[in-house]
């Protein structure tokens, strides 16, 4: 018997999207549609009739189209929520729900999908609030990370690393880079490194960054490994977040994690690091100092947490079991 066909839609290319794509291809025939615009809509509508199930990364406009098509052709549908798709921060222009018409499509997708997968439990309540429904179709399935790929090596350097892909002012604010800069300014003797600033945003970030905050452009994912391995502390100072991939990858490389008490950051860090309220600069500086002074076993504890709780194998097993129920 030929494998079932899964129509996999995504609006952006991202490591967690690619990993889902790869693991699902081990179990089903997958047709992948990535992109935006009318071409993506036409592709979804034309391929949905021959698919057995639709699977959409992010509750986007295109997820709304995919779920509607699945309903028309009486096929089951899955929507994966990552964070930005249920965010609404009009004060910084961030989040899909800052656009009322996009919110209509997202809400439809969330309410009518057979299953809504959230990468962190904190997102379940946001899904219910945004889409205004009981959320009985919501399941928590965290993203997974490969301990064999993200490994420690050599001596740690006494500096703080943050990775944040930012190409808009709203994204800069959402990732808390103004908050990070305030902390760095209060710790002039400590080196901070920020990776992921699009060249179009470099002058904007430099306008408020202190001299001890090194700013680097986006790097290939393979190049991040060396930076994770070097950093004694990894800091995620976000205003809003799902389950942050970079925190988990850095923890596997035995960086001491520091973050804010928002979204999935506390879920990732657990008792292996420190979380502080967003905007509390003194507490962030204190947590960073604690991480810089922590013994080697603290980094080992961080790695052990991710290696046991957030593996790719666990995600693969959960997705396969879920899809088996949707026939």
Protein backbone atom coordinates (compact mmCIF):
# COMPACT_ATOMS: atom_id res chain seq x y z
CA UNK A 1 0.00 0.00 0.00
CA UNK A 2 1.39 3.43 -0.94
CA UNK A 3 1.91 5.86 1.96
CA UNK A 4 -0.63 8.55 2.67
CA UNK A 5 -0.01 12.00 1.18
CA UNK A 6 0.46 14.93 3.54
CA UNK A 7 0.18 18.47 2.20
CA UNK A 8 2.71 20.48 4.23
CA UNK A 9 2.39 24.26 4.01
CA UNK A 10 4.67 26.92 5.49
CA UNK A 11 5.11 30.63 4.87
CA UNK A 12 8.79 30.84 5.80
CA UNK A 13 11.86 28.66 5.79
CA UNK A 14 13.04 27.91 9.33
CA UNK A 15 15.06 25.12 10.98
CA UNK A 16 12.09 23.80 12.97
CA UNK A 17 9.97 23.73 9.81
CA UNK A 18 12.68 21.85 7.91
CA UNK A 19 13.05 19.34 10.75
CA UNK A 20 9.33 18.58 10.79
CA UNK A 21 9.43 18.20 7.03
CA UNK A 22 12.31 15.72 7.22
CA UNK A 23 10.86 13.56 9.96
CA UNK A 24 7.39 13.44 8.39
CA UNK A 25 8.90 12.37 5.07
CA UNK A 26 10.13 9.24 6.83
CA UNK A 27 6.54 8.16 7.37
CA UNK A 28 4.38 9.74 4.65
CA UNK A 29 4.53 11.04 1.12
CA UNK A 30 4.87 14.81 1.65
CA UNK A 31 4.06 17.58 -0.80
CA UNK A 32 5.56 20.84 0.42
CA UNK A 33 4.28 24.32 -0.41
CA UNK A 34 6.43 27.14 0.96
CA UNK A 35 5.83 30.80 0.24
CA UNK A 36 3.27 33.55 0.13
CA UNK A 37 1.00 35.27 -2.37
CA UNK A 38 -1.67 34.14 -4.77
CA UNK A 39 0.63 31.45 -6.16
CA UNK A 40 0.75 29.73 -2.78
CA UNK A 41 -3.04 29.95 -2.44
CA UNK A 42 -3.56 28.39 -5.87
CA UNK A 43 -1.04 25.64 -5.08
CA UNK A 44 -2.83 24.79 -1.81
CA UNK A 45 -6.26 24.69 -3.45
CA UNK A 46 -5.03 22.58 -6.36
CA UNK A 47 -3.17 20.00 -4.25
CA UNK A 48 -5.58 19.66 -1.33
CA UNK A 49 -8.02 17.32 -3.18
CA UNK A 50 -5.41 14.57 -3.59
CA UNK A 51 -3.89 14.90 -0.12
CA UNK A 52 -5.00 12.73 2.78
CA UNK A 53 -4.21 15.38 5.39
CA UNK A 54 -3.01 19.01 5.55
CA UNK A 55 -0.29 20.18 7.94
CA UNK A 56 0.38 23.93 8.27
CA UNK A 57 3.28 25.49 10.13
CA UNK A 58 1.96 28.74 11.70
CA UNK A 59 -1.69 29.75 11.94
CA UNK A 60 -1.36 32.10 8.99
CA UNK A 61 -3.66 33.25 6.22
CA UNK A 62 -2.42 30.24 4.23
CA UNK A 63 -3.25 27.89 7.09
CA UNK A 64 -6.77 29.28 6.91
CA UNK A 65 -6.87 28.42 3.20
CA UNK A 66 -5.49 24.92 3.84
CA UNK A 67 -7.96 24.18 6.63
CA UNK A 68 -10.89 25.44 4.54
CA UNK A 69 -9.79 23.28 1.61
CA UNK A 70 -9.45 20.27 3.92
CA UNK A 71 -12.98 20.83 5.16
CA UNK A 72 -14.37 21.09 1.63
CA UNK A 73 -12.72 17.83 0.61
CA UNK A 74 -13.40 16.17 3.98
CA UNK A 75 -9.76 15.70 4.91
CA UNK A 76 -8.28 16.13 8.41
CA UNK A 77 -6.07 19.16 9.09
CA UNK A 78 -3.31 20.10 11.53
CA UNK A 79 -2.06 23.60 12.36
CA UNK A 80 1.19 24.17 14.29
CA UNK A 81 1.36 27.36 16.38
CA UNK A 82 4.82 28.81 16.96
CA UNK A 83 4.19 32.11 18.75
CA UNK A 84 4.13 35.06 16.34
CA UNK A 85 0.90 33.66 14.86
CA UNK A 86 -0.96 34.30 18.13
CA UNK A 87 0.95 37.44 19.13
CA UNK A 88 -0.61 40.90 19.16
CA UNK A 89 1.61 43.82 20.13
CA UNK A 90 0.32 46.85 18.23
CA UNK A 91 2.57 49.16 20.25
CA UNK A 92 5.59 47.71 18.43
CA UNK A 93 3.83 46.49 15.28
CA UNK A 94 4.53 42.83 16.04
CA UNK A 95 2.35 39.75 15.68
CA UNK A 96 -0.01 38.36 13.08
CA UNK A 97 -3.03 39.54 15.10
CA UNK A 98 -2.06 43.20 14.75
CA UNK A 99 -3.75 42.84 11.33
CA UNK A 100 -7.53 42.35 11.75
CA UNK A 101 -7.99 40.63 8.37
CA UNK A 102 -5.11 38.23 8.98
CA UNK A 103 -6.61 37.49 12.37
CA UNK A 104 -9.83 36.40 10.65
CA UNK A 105 -7.99 33.75 8.63
CA UNK A 106 -5.88 32.68 11.61
CA UNK A 107 -8.93 32.39 13.86
CA UNK A 108 -10.73 30.28 11.27
CA UNK A 109 -7.74 27.95 10.98
CA UNK A 110 -7.46 27.54 14.75
CA UNK A 111 -11.15 26.93 15.35
CA UNK A 112 -11.66 24.49 12.47
CA UNK A 113 -8.42 22.48 12.34
CA UNK A 114 -8.78 18.94 13.64
CA UNK A 115 -5.68 19.46 15.78
CA UNK A 116 -3.79 22.58 16.81
CA UNK A 117 -0.27 21.80 18.01
CA UNK A 118 1.35 24.36 20.30
CA UNK A 119 5.09 24.25 20.93
CA UNK A 120 4.58 25.47 24.50
CA UNK A 121 1.65 25.25 26.95
CA UNK A 122 1.63 29.04 27.35
CA UNK A 123 0.46 29.35 23.75
CA UNK A 124 -2.70 27.31 24.38
CA UNK A 125 -4.32 30.15 26.33
CA UNK A 126 -3.32 32.66 23.67
CA UNK A 127 -4.92 30.43 21.01
CA UNK A 128 -8.18 30.33 23.00
CA UNK A 129 -8.16 34.08 23.54
CA UNK A 130 -7.32 35.07 19.98
CA UNK A 131 -9.70 32.65 18.26
CA UNK A 132 -12.41 32.99 20.94
CA UNK A 133 -13.24 29.31 21.38
CA UNK A 134 -12.82 26.49 23.92
CA UNK A 135 -9.62 25.08 22.42
CA UNK A 136 -10.56 21.42 22.68
CA UNK A 137 -8.44 20.66 19.59
CA UNK A 138 -5.20 21.95 21.18
CA UNK A 139 -2.31 19.59 21.96
CA UNK A 140 1.14 20.45 23.34
CA UNK A 141 3.95 18.95 21.27
CA UNK A 142 7.28 20.73 21.86
CA UNK A 143 9.86 21.14 19.14
CA UNK A 144 12.85 18.81 19.33
CA UNK A 145 16.63 19.19 19.24
CA UNK A 146 19.48 16.84 18.36
CA UNK A 147 22.01 16.33 21.20
CA UNK A 148 24.43 14.78 18.71
CA UNK A 149 24.46 17.95 16.61
CA UNK A 150 24.62 20.56 19.37
CA UNK A 151 27.54 19.54 21.56
CA UNK A 152 29.96 21.30 23.93
CA UNK A 153 33.65 21.57 23.10
CA UNK A 154 36.55 23.24 24.81
CA UNK A 155 36.73 26.01 27.38
CA UNK A 156 33.94 28.53 27.80
CA UNK A 157 34.65 32.23 27.29
CA UNK A 158 33.38 34.72 29.83
CA UNK A 159 30.87 36.43 27.55
CA UNK A 160 27.13 36.56 26.92
CA UNK A 161 25.54 35.42 23.66
CA UNK A 162 22.15 36.28 22.18
CA UNK A 163 20.89 35.10 18.79
CA UNK A 164 17.91 36.99 17.38
CA UNK A 165 17.03 37.19 13.69
CA UNK A 166 15.82 40.78 13.33
CA UNK A 167 14.95 42.63 10.14
CA UNK A 168 12.32 45.08 11.46
CA UNK A 169 12.12 47.48 14.42
CA UNK A 170 9.17 45.49 15.78
CA UNK A 171 11.21 42.31 15.77
CA UNK A 172 14.06 44.11 17.57
CA UNK A 173 11.63 45.13 20.32
CA UNK A 174 9.94 41.71 20.45
CA UNK A 175 13.30 40.03 21.02
CA UNK A 176 14.05 42.45 23.86
CA UNK A 177 17.23 43.87 22.39
CA UNK A 178 16.62 47.25 24.03
CA UNK A 179 16.35 45.40 27.37
CA UNK A 180 19.55 43.47 26.62
CA UNK A 181 21.36 46.71 25.76
CA UNK A 182 20.36 48.27 29.08
CA UNK A 183 21.82 45.30 30.93
CA UNK A 184 25.02 45.38 28.86
CA UNK A 185 25.42 49.10 29.62
CA UNK A 186 25.29 48.30 33.34
CA UNK A 187 27.98 45.62 32.91
CA UNK A 188 30.70 47.47 30.93
CA UNK A 189 33.39 44.95 31.88
CA UNK A 190 31.49 42.02 30.31
CA UNK A 191 31.47 41.22 26.58
CA UNK A 192 28.06 40.71 24.96
CA UNK A 193 27.62 39.26 21.46
CA UNK A 194 24.42 39.65 19.42
CA UNK A 195 23.99 37.59 16.25
CA UNK A 196 21.22 37.94 13.66
CA UNK A 197 20.85 41.66 12.95
CA UNK A 198 19.93 42.30 9.35
CA UNK A 199 22.15 44.97 7.74
CA UNK A 200 19.08 47.18 7.34
CA UNK A 201 18.69 47.19 11.15
CA UNK A 202 22.33 47.53 12.13
CA UNK A 203 22.36 51.33 12.50
CA UNK A 204 19.09 51.20 14.42
CA UNK A 205 20.46 48.71 16.94
CA UNK A 206 23.80 50.50 17.21
CA UNK A 207 21.93 53.69 18.10
CA UNK A 208 21.10 52.26 21.54
CA UNK A 209 23.73 49.51 21.98
CA UNK A 210 26.66 50.14 24.36
CA UNK A 211 30.29 49.61 23.21
CA UNK A 212 30.56 46.20 24.88
CA UNK A 213 27.70 44.77 22.77
CA UNK A 214 29.16 43.25 19.59
CA UNK A 215 26.67 43.14 16.71
CA UNK A 216 26.90 40.49 14.00
CA UNK A 217 24.67 39.78 10.98
CA UNK A 218 22.64 36.60 10.52
CA UNK A 219 24.89 33.53 10.23
CA UNK A 220 24.29 30.09 8.73
CA UNK A 221 22.92 27.73 11.34
CA UNK A 222 26.04 25.57 11.10
CA UNK A 223 28.17 28.56 12.11
CA UNK A 224 26.19 29.09 15.32
CA UNK A 225 27.65 25.94 16.86
CA UNK A 226 31.04 27.55 17.52
CA UNK A 227 29.38 30.57 19.15
CA UNK A 228 27.19 28.40 21.38
CA UNK A 229 30.23 26.40 22.42
CA UNK A 230 32.22 29.51 23.38
CA UNK A 231 29.57 31.39 25.36
CA UNK A 232 29.40 30.90 29.13
CA UNK A 233 25.92 32.49 29.21
CA UNK A 234 23.16 32.48 26.64
CA UNK A 235 20.59 35.25 27.18
CA UNK A 236 17.04 35.35 25.73
CA UNK A 237 15.62 38.74 26.84
CA UNK A 238 12.38 38.53 24.81
CA UNK A 239 9.15 40.47 25.27
CA UNK A 240 7.21 37.66 23.56
CA UNK A 241 8.27 34.13 22.64
CA UNK A 242 7.16 30.60 21.80
CA UNK A 243 9.59 27.80 22.65
CA UNK A 244 12.92 29.44 21.73
CA UNK A 245 15.10 27.22 19.56
CA UNK A 246 18.32 29.10 20.23
CA UNK A 247 17.97 28.72 23.99
CA UNK A 248 17.62 24.95 23.61
CA UNK A 249 20.52 24.67 21.16
CA UNK A 250 22.79 26.78 23.38
CA UNK A 251 21.84 24.71 26.45
CA UNK A 252 22.85 21.54 24.60
CA UNK A 253 26.24 23.23 24.12
CA UNK A 254 26.38 23.75 27.91
CA UNK A 255 25.76 27.49 27.95
CA UNK A 256 24.10 28.71 31.15
CA UNK A 257 20.64 29.98 30.12
CA UNK A 258 19.17 33.31 31.23
CA UNK A 259 15.82 34.54 29.95
CA UNK A 260 12.60 36.32 30.70
CA UNK A 261 9.49 34.83 32.28
CA UNK A 262 7.51 34.92 29.04
CA UNK A 263 6.15 32.25 26.71
CA UNK A 264 8.14 29.06 26.52
CA UNK A 265 11.41 30.46 27.89
CA UNK A 266 10.77 29.14 31.44
CA UNK A 267 9.64 25.82 29.93
CA UNK A 268 12.99 25.43 28.18
CA UNK A 269 15.17 26.64 31.04
CA UNK A 270 13.39 25.01 33.97
CA UNK A 271 15.72 24.81 36.99
CA UNK A 272 18.84 24.80 34.81
CA UNK A 273 19.22 28.59 34.66
CA UNK A 274 17.47 31.84 35.58
CA UNK A 275 14.37 33.64 34.34
CA UNK A 276 13.58 37.25 35.27
CA UNK A 277 10.66 39.60 34.58
CA UNK A 278 10.91 41.47 31.28
CA UNK A 279 12.23 44.98 31.86
CA UNK A 280 13.83 44.29 35.24
CA UNK A 281 17.37 45.31 34.32
CA UNK A 282 18.86 44.80 37.79
CA UNK A 283 17.53 41.22 37.95
CA UNK A 284 18.81 40.47 34.46
CA UNK A 285 22.30 41.71 35.37
CA UNK A 286 22.20 39.62 38.55
CA UNK A 287 21.17 36.49 36.62
CA UNK A 288 23.87 37.01 33.99
CA UNK A 289 26.51 37.46 36.70
CA UNK A 290 25.32 34.25 38.38
CA UNK A 291 25.66 32.43 35.07
CA UNK A 292 29.13 33.78 34.38
CA UNK A 293 30.26 32.64 37.84
CA UNK A 294 28.49 29.25 37.69
CA UNK A 295 30.60 26.06 37.80
CA UNK A 296 30.94 23.74 34.82
CA UNK A 297 28.28 21.41 36.21
CA UNK A 298 25.65 24.12 35.67
CA UNK A 299 26.22 23.93 31.92
CA UNK A 300 26.10 20.16 32.08
CA UNK A 301 22.74 20.39 33.87
CA UNK A 302 21.42 22.65 31.10
CA UNK A 303 22.48 20.15 28.43
CA UNK A 304 20.97 17.22 30.32
CA UNK A 305 17.61 18.99 30.54
CA UNK A 306 17.23 19.51 26.80
CA UNK A 307 18.74 16.12 25.91
CA UNK A 308 16.12 14.37 28.04
CA UNK A 309 13.02 16.57 27.67
CA UNK A 310 13.12 18.07 24.17
CA UNK A 311 14.44 15.55 21.67
CA UNK A 312 13.65 15.18 17.98
CA UNK A 313 12.79 11.54 18.65
CA UNK A 314 10.10 12.57 21.13
CA UNK A 315 8.58 15.00 18.63
CA UNK A 316 8.68 12.46 15.82
CA UNK A 317 6.92 9.83 17.92
CA UNK A 318 4.26 12.32 19.01
CA UNK A 319 3.57 13.53 15.46
CA UNK A 320 3.39 10.03 14.00
CA UNK A 321 1.01 8.88 16.75
CA UNK A 322 -1.15 11.94 16.20
CA UNK A 323 -1.34 11.55 12.43
CA UNK A 324 -2.29 7.90 12.87
CA UNK A 325 -5.43 9.04 14.68
CA UNK A 326 -6.42 11.39 11.83
CA UNK A 327 -7.62 9.10 9.09
